[in-house]
Protein backbone atom coordinates (compact mmCIF):
# COMPACT_ATOMS: atom_id res chain seq x y z
CA MET A 1 0.03 -0.03 0.00
CA PHE A 2 1.37 3.38 -0.97
CA ARG A 3 0.13 6.28 1.15
CA VAL A 4 0.68 9.77 -0.13
CA LEU A 5 -2.23 11.60 1.56
CA GLY A 6 0.36 12.87 4.05
CA PRO A 7 3.99 12.05 4.60
CA LEU A 8 4.90 9.22 2.13
CA GLU A 9 4.53 5.76 3.61
CA VAL A 10 4.86 2.38 1.95
CA HIS A 11 3.60 -0.80 3.59
CA SER A 12 4.26 -4.37 2.58
CA PRO A 13 1.31 -6.76 1.86
CA GLY A 14 1.69 -8.00 5.45
CA GLY A 15 1.28 -4.49 6.82
CA ASP A 16 4.97 -3.85 7.70
CA ARG A 17 6.28 -0.36 6.98
CA VAL A 18 8.94 -0.22 4.32
CA GLU A 19 11.87 2.09 5.20
CA LEU A 20 12.79 4.32 2.26
CA GLY A 21 15.81 6.02 3.67
CA ALA A 22 17.08 9.50 2.54
CA ARG A 23 15.00 12.44 1.25
CA LYS A 24 15.97 12.22 -2.39
CA PRO A 25 14.88 8.64 -2.99
CA THR A 26 11.61 9.53 -1.20
CA ALA A 27 11.15 12.54 -3.50
CA LEU A 28 11.83 10.27 -6.48
CA LEU A 29 9.21 7.70 -5.39
CA THR A 30 6.69 10.43 -4.70
CA THR A 31 7.11 11.88 -8.15
CA LEU A 32 6.62 8.43 -9.74
CA LEU A 33 3.49 7.90 -7.70
CA LEU A 34 2.09 11.18 -8.93
CA GLN A 35 1.89 9.39 -12.36
CA ALA A 36 1.45 5.84 -11.19
CA ASN A 37 1.79 3.28 -14.06
CA ALA A 38 2.78 6.01 -16.47
CA TRP A 39 6.25 6.79 -17.85
CA VAL A 40 7.97 9.78 -16.28
CA SER A 41 10.97 11.22 -18.03
CA ALA A 42 14.36 11.40 -16.29
CA GLU A 43 14.35 15.19 -16.74
CA ARG A 44 11.14 15.59 -14.68
CA LEU A 45 12.49 13.31 -11.97
CA ILE A 46 15.69 15.25 -11.72
CA ALA A 47 13.79 18.55 -11.50
CA ALA A 48 11.72 17.14 -8.64
CA ILE A 49 14.70 15.78 -6.76
CA TRP A 50 16.69 19.05 -7.01
CA PRO A 51 14.01 21.74 -7.06
CA GLU A 52 15.88 24.66 -5.37
CA ARG A 53 19.07 24.68 -7.37
CA ASP A 54 20.60 23.45 -10.57
CA ALA A 55 21.03 19.74 -10.69
CA PRO A 56 24.62 18.55 -10.26
CA GLN A 57 26.53 17.20 -13.21
CA SER A 58 26.23 13.77 -11.60
CA ALA A 59 22.33 13.99 -11.62
CA ASP A 60 21.86 11.15 -14.14
CA ARG A 61 24.19 8.85 -12.24
CA ASN A 62 22.62 9.79 -8.86
CA LEU A 63 19.11 9.20 -10.30
CA LYS A 64 20.08 5.69 -11.27
CA THR A 65 21.45 5.15 -7.73
CA TYR A 66 18.16 6.30 -6.15
CA VAL A 67 16.22 4.06 -8.51
CA TRP A 68 18.44 1.17 -7.43
CA ARG A 69 17.70 1.91 -3.78
CA ILE A 70 13.95 1.86 -4.38
CA ARG A 71 14.16 -1.33 -6.36
CA LYS A 72 16.04 -2.88 -3.47
CA VAL A 73 13.19 -2.33 -1.01
CA LEU A 74 10.41 -2.65 -3.60
CA PRO A 75 11.56 -5.37 -5.94
CA GLY A 76 9.71 -5.55 -9.28
CA ARG A 77 7.98 -2.22 -8.88
CA VAL A 78 10.10 0.25 -10.87
CA GLU A 79 10.47 -0.33 -14.60
CA SER A 80 12.75 1.55 -16.97
CA ARG A 81 13.20 2.36 -20.55
CA HIS A 82 15.50 4.83 -22.34
CA GLY A 83 15.24 8.14 -20.57
CA ALA A 84 12.20 7.29 -18.39
CA TYR A 85 10.92 5.26 -15.47
CA ARG A 86 7.57 4.19 -14.07
CA ILE A 87 6.25 2.51 -10.96
CA VAL A 88 3.76 -0.30 -11.18
CA VAL A 89 0.82 0.04 -8.82
CA ALA A 90 -2.09 -2.38 -8.75
CA LYS A 91 -5.71 -1.29 -8.19
CA GLY A 92 -6.31 -0.47 -4.55
CA GLU A 93 -2.65 -0.02 -3.66
CA LEU A 94 -2.53 3.80 -3.84
CA ASP A 95 -4.51 5.68 -1.17
CA THR A 96 -5.47 8.49 -3.59
CA ASP A 97 -7.21 5.99 -5.85
CA VAL A 98 -8.97 4.36 -2.91
CA PHE A 99 -10.03 7.81 -1.65
CA ARG A 100 -11.48 8.80 -5.04
CA ASP A 101 -13.35 5.49 -5.41
CA LEU A 102 -14.81 5.70 -1.92
CA VAL A 103 -16.04 9.23 -2.48
CA ALA A 104 -17.66 8.26 -5.74
CA GLN A 105 -19.31 5.27 -4.03
CA ALA A 106 -20.53 7.43 -1.12
CA ASP A 107 -22.00 10.02 -3.60
CA ARG A 108 -24.32 7.30 -4.83
CA GLU A 109 -25.50 6.34 -1.37
CA HIS A 110 -27.53 8.22 1.25
CA GLY A 111 -28.14 8.29 4.94
CA GLN A 112 -26.07 6.06 7.27
CA SER A 113 -24.53 4.15 4.38
CA ALA A 114 -23.13 7.33 2.93
CA VAL A 115 -21.85 8.40 6.39
CA ASP A 116 -19.90 5.16 6.80
CA ILE A 117 -18.29 5.40 3.32
CA TYR A 118 -17.38 9.11 3.55
CA THR A 119 -15.84 8.38 6.94
CA ARG A 120 -13.72 5.56 5.55
CA ALA A 121 -12.56 7.90 2.79
CA LEU A 122 -11.64 10.78 5.05
CA VAL A 123 -9.66 8.73 7.60
CA LEU A 124 -7.14 8.03 4.79
CA TRP A 125 -5.88 11.55 5.12
CA ARG A 126 -2.83 12.18 7.40
CA GLY A 127 -1.58 15.52 6.12
CA THR A 128 -0.68 17.30 2.91
CA PRO A 129 -0.60 15.08 -0.16
CA PHE A 130 2.78 14.67 -1.95
CA GLU A 131 4.47 16.90 0.60
CA GLU A 132 7.91 15.58 -0.26
CA VAL A 133 7.74 17.21 -3.70
CA THR A 134 7.45 20.99 -4.46
CA THR A 135 6.80 20.91 -8.16
CA ASP A 136 3.87 22.63 -9.83
CA GLU A 137 2.51 19.18 -10.77
CA ALA A 138 2.50 18.07 -7.13
CA PHE A 139 0.79 21.30 -5.96
CA ALA A 140 -1.92 20.96 -8.67
CA ALA A 141 -2.59 17.27 -7.72
CA ALA A 142 -2.72 18.15 -4.03
CA SER A 143 -5.16 21.02 -4.76
CA ARG A 144 -7.52 18.75 -6.71
CA LEU A 145 -7.43 16.14 -3.90
CA GLY A 146 -8.05 18.86 -1.36
CA GLU A 147 -11.08 20.05 -3.22
CA LEU A 148 -12.45 16.49 -3.39
CA ARG A 149 -11.77 16.19 0.38
CA ARG A 150 -13.77 19.30 1.08
CA HIS A 151 -16.64 17.89 -1.05
CA ALA A 152 -16.56 14.72 0.94
CA GLN A 153 -16.53 16.60 4.26
CA GLU A 154 -19.50 18.73 3.29
CA SER A 155 -21.32 15.66 1.91
CA LEU A 156 -20.60 13.81 5.13
CA ALA A 157 -22.20 16.70 7.03
CA ARG A 158 -25.32 16.54 4.92
CA SER A 159 -25.48 12.70 5.33
CA LEU A 160 -25.15 13.06 9.08
CA ILE A 161 -28.09 15.46 9.10
CA ALA A 162 -30.10 12.96 7.05
CA SER A 163 -29.24 10.26 9.60
CA GLY A 164 -30.46 12.51 12.48
CA ARG A 165 -26.92 13.22 13.74
CA ARG A 166 -27.21 17.03 13.46
CA ALA A 167 -24.91 17.85 16.37
CA GLU A 168 -21.99 15.93 14.71
CA ALA A 169 -22.68 17.66 11.43
CA ILE A 170 -22.63 21.09 13.09
CA THR A 171 -19.32 20.36 14.88
CA LEU A 172 -17.72 19.19 11.60
CA LEU A 173 -18.95 22.27 9.69
CA ARG A 174 -17.78 24.77 12.35
CA GLY A 175 -14.33 23.32 12.07
CA LEU A 176 -14.46 23.63 8.24
CA THR A 177 -15.61 27.26 8.31
CA ALA A 178 -12.77 28.03 10.76
CA ASP A 179 -10.23 26.42 8.38
CA GLU A 180 -11.63 28.09 5.22
CA PRO A 181 -13.68 31.09 6.20
CA LEU A 182 -14.11 32.26 2.57
CA ARG A 183 -15.69 29.07 1.35
CA GLU A 184 -19.32 29.94 0.99
CA SER A 185 -20.66 26.41 0.38
CA THR A 186 -19.42 25.38 3.86
CA TRP A 187 -21.17 28.37 5.46
CA ALA A 188 -24.37 27.54 3.59
CA SER A 189 -24.19 23.88 4.83
CA LEU A 190 -23.69 25.14 8.44
CA VAL A 191 -26.64 27.54 8.21
CA LEU A 192 -28.85 24.71 6.97
CA ALA A 193 -27.53 22.28 9.61
CA LEU A 194 -28.42 24.68 12.37
CA HIS A 195 -31.82 25.24 10.79
CA ALA A 196 -32.43 21.49 10.56
CA ASP A 197 -31.59 21.22 14.28
CA GLY A 198 -34.25 23.83 15.10
CA ARG A 199 -31.75 26.54 15.98
CA ARG A 200 -33.17 29.26 13.83
CA ALA A 201 -31.55 32.21 15.60
CA GLU A 202 -28.11 30.59 15.49
CA ALA A 203 -28.61 29.80 11.79
CA LEU A 204 -29.38 33.51 11.04
CA ALA A 205 -26.44 34.65 13.16
CA CYS A 206 -24.20 32.25 11.27
CA TYR A 207 -25.34 33.74 8.01
CA GLN A 208 -24.52 37.24 9.31
CA GLN A 209 -21.06 36.03 10.43
CA ALA A 210 -20.40 34.58 6.98
CA ARG A 211 -21.60 37.81 5.31
CA THR A 212 -19.31 39.93 7.49
CA VAL A 213 -16.29 37.82 6.57
CA LEU A 214 -17.08 38.05 2.87
CA VAL A 215 -17.66 41.76 2.88
CA ASP A 216 -14.59 42.52 5.02
CA GLU A 217 -12.20 40.22 3.15
CA LEU A 218 -13.43 40.30 -0.40
CA GLY A 219 -15.81 43.19 -0.58
CA VAL A 220 -18.67 41.02 -1.93
CA GLU A 221 -22.09 40.03 -0.83
CA PRO A 222 -23.00 36.37 -0.31
CA GLY A 223 -23.59 34.35 -3.45
CA ALA A 224 -26.66 32.49 -4.53
CA GLU A 225 -26.14 29.35 -2.50
CA LEU A 226 -25.54 31.13 0.83
CA ALA A 227 -28.37 33.58 0.16
CA ALA A 228 -30.67 30.65 -0.63
CA ALA A 229 -29.81 29.06 2.71
CA GLN A 230 -30.69 32.20 4.55
CA GLN A 231 -33.96 32.44 2.65
CA GLN A 232 -34.77 28.80 3.60
CA VAL A 233 -34.30 29.69 7.24
CA LEU A 234 -36.45 32.80 6.93
CA THR A 235 -39.33 31.00 5.19
CA GLY A 236 -39.15 27.94 7.45
CA ALA A 237 -38.70 25.65 4.44
CA PRO A 238 -37.45 22.14 5.34
CA VAL A 239 -33.82 21.21 4.90
CA LEU A 240 -33.39 18.84 2.02
CA THR A 241 -30.92 16.06 3.00
CA ALA A 242 -30.30 13.86 -0.02
CA VAL A 243 -33.65 12.12 0.11
CA ASN A 244 -33.96 9.17 -2.19
CA THR A 245 -37.50 7.83 -2.83
CA LEU A 246 -36.77 6.12 -6.13
CA PRO A 247 -38.11 2.62 -6.59
CA ARG A 248 -35.43 0.02 -6.86
CA ASP A 249 -33.63 -0.30 -10.12
CA LEU A 250 -34.68 -3.45 -12.01
CA PRO A 251 -31.75 -5.95 -11.72
CA ASP A 252 -32.77 -7.44 -15.08
CA PHE A 253 -32.89 -4.15 -16.99
CA VAL A 254 -31.61 -4.86 -20.51
CA GLY A 255 -31.46 -3.19 -23.90
CA ARG A 256 -32.45 0.37 -24.69
CA ASP A 257 -29.04 1.01 -26.19
CA ARG A 258 -30.36 3.99 -28.15
CA GLU A 259 -32.87 5.42 -25.70
CA LEU A 260 -30.71 5.16 -22.53
CA PRO A 261 -27.87 7.49 -23.75
CA ALA A 262 -30.50 9.76 -25.32
CA LEU A 263 -32.30 10.15 -22.00
CA LEU A 264 -29.05 10.60 -20.08
CA ALA A 265 -27.97 13.32 -22.57
CA ALA A 266 -31.34 14.94 -22.46
CA CYS A 267 -31.28 15.09 -18.61
CA THR A 268 -27.87 16.70 -18.84
CA ASP A 269 -28.82 19.32 -21.48
CA ARG A 270 -32.34 20.08 -20.43
CA ARG A 271 -34.10 20.38 -17.01
CA LEU A 272 -37.36 18.84 -18.24
CA VAL A 273 -37.59 15.60 -20.17
CA LEU A 274 -40.57 13.59 -21.31
CA VAL A 275 -40.42 9.80 -21.84
CA THR A 276 -43.31 8.84 -24.07
CA GLY A 277 -44.66 5.62 -25.54
CA MET A 278 -47.46 3.08 -25.38
CA ALA A 279 -48.54 1.51 -22.11
CA GLY A 280 -46.23 -1.30 -20.98
CA VAL A 281 -43.32 -0.22 -23.18
CA GLY A 282 -41.04 0.44 -20.15
CA LYS A 283 -41.19 4.16 -19.62
CA THR A 284 -41.14 3.98 -15.86
CA ALA A 285 -38.39 1.33 -15.87
CA LEU A 286 -36.13 3.47 -18.06
CA ALA A 287 -36.80 6.66 -16.11
CA VAL A 288 -36.01 4.96 -12.76
CA HIS A 289 -32.93 3.31 -14.23
CA VAL A 290 -31.58 6.67 -15.52
CA ALA A 291 -32.43 8.40 -12.25
CA HIS A 292 -30.24 5.94 -10.37
CA ARG A 293 -27.47 6.50 -12.92
CA LEU A 294 -27.66 10.29 -12.35
CA ALA A 295 -27.05 10.15 -8.55
CA GLU A 296 -23.74 12.10 -8.86
CA SER A 297 -25.41 14.85 -10.97
CA TYR A 298 -28.14 15.36 -8.37
CA PRO A 299 -26.51 14.87 -4.97
CA ASP A 300 -29.26 16.64 -2.96
CA GLY A 301 -31.94 14.09 -3.73
CA ARG A 302 -33.92 11.94 -6.18
CA LEU A 303 -37.65 11.89 -5.72
CA PHE A 304 -40.34 9.73 -7.29
CA VAL A 305 -44.10 10.28 -7.23
CA SER A 306 -46.81 8.45 -9.22
CA LEU A 307 -49.55 10.69 -10.57
CA ARG A 308 -51.97 7.66 -10.61
CA ASP A 309 -53.24 5.39 -7.91
CA ASN A 310 -54.62 2.28 -9.62
CA GLY A 311 -55.25 4.31 -12.77
CA VAL A 312 -57.03 7.16 -10.81
CA PRO A 313 -55.38 10.63 -10.94
CA VAL A 314 -54.09 11.75 -7.58
CA GLY A 315 -54.09 15.41 -8.59
CA ALA A 316 -51.35 18.04 -8.28
CA ALA A 317 -52.28 18.99 -4.71
CA GLU A 318 -51.94 15.44 -3.40
CA ALA A 319 -48.70 14.83 -5.37
CA LEU A 320 -47.25 17.97 -3.81
CA ARG A 321 -48.34 16.85 -0.32
CA ARG A 322 -46.52 13.53 -0.88
CA LEU A 323 -43.42 15.30 -2.17
CA LEU A 324 -43.27 17.75 0.71
CA VAL A 325 -43.71 14.97 3.29
CA SER A 326 -40.89 13.06 1.66
CA LEU A 327 -38.74 16.13 2.23
CA GLY A 328 -39.44 16.11 5.94
CA VAL A 329 -42.36 18.47 6.19
CA ALA A 330 -44.71 17.22 8.89
CA PRO A 331 -48.12 16.39 7.44
CA ARG A 332 -49.80 18.98 9.70
CA ASP A 333 -47.50 21.65 8.30
CA VAL A 334 -48.36 21.10 4.66
CA PRO A 335 -50.39 24.12 3.42
CA ASP A 336 -54.00 23.52 2.38
CA ALA A 337 -54.07 25.65 -0.77
CA LEU A 338 -52.51 24.40 -3.94
CA ALA A 339 -50.71 27.72 -4.56
CA ASP A 340 -49.17 27.64 -1.05
CA ARG A 341 -48.00 24.05 -1.58
CA VAL A 342 -46.36 25.04 -4.87
CA ALA A 343 -44.55 27.94 -3.10
CA ARG A 344 -43.35 25.72 -0.22
CA TRP A 345 -42.19 23.06 -2.68
CA ARG A 346 -40.18 25.50 -4.80
CA ALA A 347 -38.68 27.17 -1.74
CA ALA A 348 -37.56 23.83 -0.43
CA LEU A 349 -35.72 23.03 -3.73
CA SER A 350 -34.20 26.49 -4.15
CA GLY A 351 -30.48 26.32 -4.60
CA ARG A 352 -30.48 22.47 -4.64
CA ARG A 353 -29.72 19.87 -7.25
CA VAL A 354 -32.59 17.41 -7.11
CA LEU A 355 -33.99 15.06 -9.75
CA VAL A 356 -37.79 14.54 -9.63
CA VAL A 357 -39.45 11.67 -11.51
CA LEU A 358 -43.23 12.31 -12.21
CA ASP A 359 -44.64 9.00 -13.30
CA ASP A 360 -47.74 8.32 -15.47
CA ALA A 361 -48.75 11.85 -16.40
CA GLU A 362 -51.72 12.43 -18.78
CA ASP A 363 -52.20 16.20 -18.67
CA GLU A 364 -49.89 19.18 -18.28
CA SER A 365 -52.12 20.45 -15.46
CA GLU A 366 -50.80 17.51 -13.34
CA VAL A 367 -47.17 18.38 -14.09
CA LEU A 368 -46.81 22.19 -14.22
CA PRO A 369 -47.38 22.84 -10.43
CA LEU A 370 -44.79 20.17 -9.61
CA LEU A 371 -41.96 21.75 -11.59
CA PRO A 372 -39.17 23.28 -9.49
CA GLY A 373 -38.55 26.98 -9.85
CA GLY A 374 -34.74 26.95 -9.82
CA GLU A 375 -32.23 25.91 -12.48
CA GLY A 376 -30.42 23.26 -10.51
CA CYS A 377 -33.20 20.63 -10.51
CA GLY A 378 -34.16 18.15 -13.21
CA VAL A 379 -37.51 16.55 -13.96
CA VAL A 380 -38.27 13.38 -15.88
CA VAL A 381 -41.96 12.88 -16.75
CA THR A 382 -43.26 9.60 -18.03
CA GLY A 383 -46.51 9.59 -20.02
CA ASN A 384 -48.05 10.93 -23.14
CA VAL A 385 -48.38 14.59 -22.31
CA ALA A 386 -47.22 17.69 -24.14
CA ILE A 387 -45.33 20.42 -22.22
CA ASP A 388 -43.67 23.40 -23.85
CA GLY A 389 -39.84 23.51 -23.68
CA ALA A 390 -39.45 19.80 -22.77
CA ALA A 391 -37.11 17.42 -24.45
CA ILE A 392 -38.85 14.24 -25.68
CA VAL A 393 -37.43 10.74 -25.61
CA PRO A 394 -39.87 8.39 -27.43
CA LEU A 395 -39.79 4.73 -26.39
CA LYS A 396 -40.60 2.09 -28.93
CA LEU A 397 -41.11 -1.63 -28.78
CA MET A 398 -38.04 -3.73 -28.12
CA PRO A 399 -36.18 -5.24 -31.07
CA ASP A 400 -36.10 -9.09 -31.05
CA ARG A 401 -32.66 -9.34 -29.58
CA ASP A 402 -33.42 -7.16 -26.59
CA ALA A 403 -36.86 -8.74 -26.16
CA THR A 404 -35.38 -12.31 -26.01
CA ASP A 405 -32.57 -11.07 -23.73
CA LEU A 406 -35.23 -9.66 -21.36
CA PHE A 407 -37.10 -12.96 -21.32
CA THR A 408 -34.03 -15.02 -20.52
CA ALA A 409 -32.80 -12.54 -17.98
CA ILE A 410 -35.95 -13.35 -15.99
CA ALA A 411 -36.69 -16.91 -16.90
CA GLY A 412 -33.12 -18.17 -17.48
CA PRO A 413 -31.64 -19.73 -20.68
CA ARG A 414 -34.36 -21.41 -22.82
CA ASP A 415 -34.88 -22.64 -26.39
CA PRO A 416 -34.13 -19.59 -28.52
CA SER A 417 -36.72 -20.26 -31.19
CA ALA A 418 -39.50 -20.89 -28.67
CA VAL A 419 -38.46 -17.70 -26.76
CA LEU A 420 -38.73 -15.75 -29.97
CA ASP A 421 -42.25 -17.16 -30.50
CA VAL A 422 -43.21 -15.99 -27.03
CA VAL A 423 -41.89 -12.45 -27.44
CA HIS A 424 -43.64 -12.16 -30.81
CA SER A 425 -46.89 -13.24 -29.22
CA CYS A 426 -46.27 -10.47 -26.66
CA GLY A 427 -45.71 -8.06 -29.49
CA ASN A 428 -42.18 -7.30 -28.15
CA LEU A 429 -43.84 -5.34 -25.36
CA PRO A 430 -41.57 -5.34 -22.28
CA LEU A 431 -44.39 -5.54 -19.68
CA ALA A 432 -45.99 -8.54 -21.49
CA ILE A 433 -42.61 -10.24 -21.79
CA ARG A 434 -41.99 -9.74 -18.05
CA VAL A 435 -45.42 -11.23 -17.16
CA ALA A 436 -44.92 -14.17 -19.62
CA ALA A 437 -41.47 -14.96 -18.17
CA ALA A 438 -42.88 -14.83 -14.62
CA ARG A 439 -45.73 -17.07 -15.74
CA LEU A 440 -43.27 -19.68 -16.98
CA ILE A 441 -41.35 -19.61 -13.69
CA GLN A 442 -44.61 -20.16 -11.82
CA ARG A 443 -45.27 -23.31 -13.93
CA PRO A 444 -41.98 -25.24 -13.71
CA LEU A 445 -43.37 -28.23 -15.68
CA TRP A 446 -44.06 -26.03 -18.66
CA THR A 447 -41.69 -25.70 -21.57
CA VAL A 448 -41.34 -22.39 -23.39
CA SER A 449 -43.15 -24.05 -26.29
CA ASP A 450 -46.07 -24.75 -23.99
CA LEU A 451 -46.20 -21.08 -23.09
CA ALA A 452 -45.87 -20.04 -26.73
CA ASP A 453 -48.82 -22.24 -27.67
CA ARG A 454 -50.98 -20.64 -25.01
CA LEU A 455 -50.08 -17.14 -26.13
CA ARG A 456 -50.84 -17.67 -29.82
CA ASP A 457 -54.63 -17.71 -29.15
CA PRO A 458 -55.87 -14.13 -28.37
CA HIS A 459 -58.27 -15.40 -25.75
CA GLY A 460 -55.69 -17.61 -24.02
CA ARG A 461 -53.14 -14.78 -24.28
CA ASP A 462 -55.26 -12.49 -22.11
CA GLU A 463 -55.68 -15.28 -19.51
CA GLU A 464 -51.93 -15.88 -19.33
CA LEU A 465 -50.79 -12.24 -19.32
CA HIS A 466 -52.08 -11.23 -15.88
CA ARG A 467 -50.18 -9.50 -13.16
CA ASN A 468 -51.59 -8.72 -9.70
CA GLY A 469 -55.08 -9.49 -10.88
CA ARG A 470 -54.95 -7.16 -13.85
CA SER A 471 -54.29 -8.17 -17.45
CA VAL A 472 -51.72 -6.49 -19.56
CA ARG A 473 -54.47 -5.71 -21.99
CA ALA A 474 -56.19 -3.63 -19.37
CA ARG A 475 -53.18 -1.21 -19.39
CA PHE A 476 -54.53 0.19 -22.68
CA GLU A 477 -58.03 0.82 -21.39
CA PRO A 478 -57.37 4.33 -19.93
CA ALA A 479 -56.29 5.54 -23.41
CA TYR A 480 -59.38 3.92 -24.92
CA HIS A 481 -61.74 5.61 -22.40
CA ARG A 482 -60.10 9.05 -23.15
CA LEU A 483 -61.31 8.82 -26.74
CA PRO A 484 -64.42 10.63 -27.86
CA PRO A 485 -67.38 8.23 -28.69
CA ALA A 486 -66.81 8.37 -32.49
CA HIS A 487 -63.15 7.51 -32.08
CA ARG A 488 -64.01 4.60 -29.75
CA ARG A 489 -66.42 3.32 -32.38
CA LEU A 490 -63.69 3.42 -35.04
CA PHE A 491 -61.25 1.68 -32.69
CA ASP A 492 -63.83 -1.15 -32.11
CA LEU A 493 -64.27 -1.50 -35.86
CA LEU A 494 -60.52 -1.76 -36.39
CA ALA A 495 -60.57 -5.10 -34.55
CA SER A 496 -61.48 -6.81 -37.82
CA ALA A 497 -59.46 -4.46 -40.06
CA PRO A 498 -56.45 -5.59 -42.15
CA GLU A 499 -53.03 -5.52 -40.50
CA ARG A 500 -52.14 -2.27 -42.26
CA ILE A 501 -54.61 0.58 -41.75
CA ASP A 502 -54.92 3.84 -43.65
CA ALA A 503 -57.50 6.61 -44.06
CA PRO A 504 -59.40 4.96 -46.93
CA THR A 505 -59.72 1.76 -44.91
CA ALA A 506 -60.91 3.62 -41.80
CA ALA A 507 -63.29 5.75 -43.86
CA ALA A 508 -64.87 2.69 -45.40
CA LEU A 509 -65.26 0.96 -42.03
CA ALA A 510 -66.73 3.96 -40.24
CA HIS A 511 -68.57 5.48 -43.21
CA VAL A 512 -66.92 8.86 -42.73
CA ARG A 513 -65.02 11.14 -45.10
CA ARG A 514 -61.35 10.37 -45.61
CA PRO A 515 -60.10 13.66 -43.98
CA GLU A 516 -62.10 12.93 -40.90
CA ALA A 517 -60.91 9.33 -40.81
CA ALA A 518 -57.30 10.58 -41.08
CA ARG A 519 -57.83 12.90 -38.12
CA MET A 520 -59.32 10.05 -36.13
CA LEU A 521 -56.38 7.74 -36.94
CA ASP A 522 -53.99 10.48 -35.81
CA ARG A 523 -55.81 10.72 -32.49
CA LEU A 524 -55.64 6.99 -32.01
CA ALA A 525 -51.90 7.22 -32.73
CA ASP A 526 -51.50 10.08 -30.25
CA GLU A 527 -53.02 7.76 -27.60
CA HIS A 528 -50.62 4.98 -28.71
CA LEU A 529 -53.46 2.72 -29.69
CA LEU A 530 -52.07 2.70 -33.19
CA THR A 531 -48.52 2.89 -34.46
CA GLU A 532 -47.66 4.99 -37.52
CA SER A 533 -45.43 2.75 -39.60
CA ALA A 534 -45.21 5.22 -42.48
CA PRO A 535 -46.81 8.60 -43.23
CA GLY A 536 -50.58 7.93 -43.23
CA ARG A 537 -50.18 4.19 -42.64
CA PHE A 538 -50.77 2.59 -39.28
CA THR A 539 -50.54 -0.81 -37.53
CA MET A 540 -52.21 -2.06 -34.39
CA HIS A 541 -50.21 -3.87 -31.67
CA PRO A 542 -51.55 -7.45 -31.14
CA LEU A 543 -52.41 -6.81 -27.50
CA VAL A 544 -54.18 -3.52 -28.47
CA ARG A 545 -56.15 -5.51 -31.06
CA ASP A 546 -57.11 -7.95 -28.33
CA LEU A 547 -58.60 -4.94 -26.48
CA ALA A 548 -60.47 -3.90 -29.57
CA ARG A 549 -61.97 -7.39 -29.90
CA VAL A 550 -63.23 -7.19 -26.30
CA THR A 551 -64.60 -3.64 -26.46
CA VAL A 552 -66.50 -4.27 -29.71
CA SER A 553 -70.15 -5.13 -29.08
CA PRO A 554 -73.04 -6.41 -31.21
CA GLU A 555 -74.46 -2.84 -31.18
CA VAL A 556 -71.48 -1.48 -33.09
CA VAL A 557 -72.64 -0.36 -36.46
CA PRO A 558 -70.85 1.76 -39.07
CA LEU A 559 -71.08 5.50 -38.45
CA ARG A 560 -73.34 7.35 -40.83
CA GLY A 561 -71.80 9.82 -43.18
CA ALA A 562 -70.59 10.19 -46.64
CA SER A 563 -67.60 8.17 -47.89
């Protein structure tokens, strides 16, 4: 183990300390560790060993002697080529690498888990990194590590608050503000820690102390983060402490090689992103998967709220109540009026970097009150809703390869041709594939071919594709019931239509004019009950067609009108 986060120390695999001897070999080893596993020129090494004066004429010979001494105590570690040397360091052997990895891991956690990992990272520090070397390169590396250390300390404080250990967080932050009184982010964290501990007067006094330091030393007023912390105290808004209410990420998430990077990029470039697509196509799964991936970009929290309870809209007011409670607002303190809830919600997120996932939206009136007011937050909305200024990531059916991979990820390796039959009977719809794979697991005596046979028949398919007492087919019913009566009538008639549908076909079925039929088909496509395969040409997903067969009744007759 090589320890450079303080005076250089080297320990053997058994834990014994390796004695390095004189200062110059130590400076040589430190310089090599600055660029572990990379070649370092002899000129740079000589400049690091003799920084205050010109190197002696014997510098090259002395350098070889120092390399020999290091090789003697660290056999097999230092390699050489003409005019350069490098030290070989395995993963986990250099404390700077371990520190960076632990901080990155802690950034993805929250609560007590984050506290434990940040603590493990910070105890690696024993002093100034690379202190044996005074080169610009060493100073720059030490500065970068110091900045990461301060990030870890402030993040540890926030995690302590989230774990209910506010007194420890306040003690830590007071020490940090004393060490670096011009660092506004630390003052802001201390103000919020005092506020979270119910010490409002002390929090405001802390803000005034920070303001005095900044004005006296730099001649500037507090920046946005510190000002937002003061405002949060004044308004009584709750302290946001890296809350994570995301559902678990699916362990068998597969595919989406195009949509996944598109959504990640959209969340980076825009603050509002819509994930659209037909019911069961995996909008929620993708949004949650991406939200977990974006933990480092949104360190202050990741929140999830469903805008539907069993298909029934919860309403913006109730969604805001749930979000505020998840941030720590006592239920009795949630305002009654929608406008007051919106104001409280936006004040709580001011100056923070939080990602909010709004699931299953159908109308912009459900979404607009839930949008944060600041620029640091991101919002991912799933559902087929139009919102001005939002980036859109459309989600399509899975290609065969991804669909079969999903099935086998759940059900295990199976006969490939039979698996392909199953996913085709499911119309390559992820939800249906998941339900079918689970059904096979529930029936261990079945083969995949048995399942495929059951799914070929539309009536049998509906019986097999049930989850929690609800059929996959039923997921399309809300879209069907949103249609006007004339559109529902056309949808019913399409149950017996050819595979490919266009305006002339629809007009003949419904006995309406072609322009009207074209508009009706567009509306069905907007509701994802049809898929536009080419301009003006549509197809109906097999499970959607199953719904049309069920909704059609003997009373359905062609609509009157001219053809």
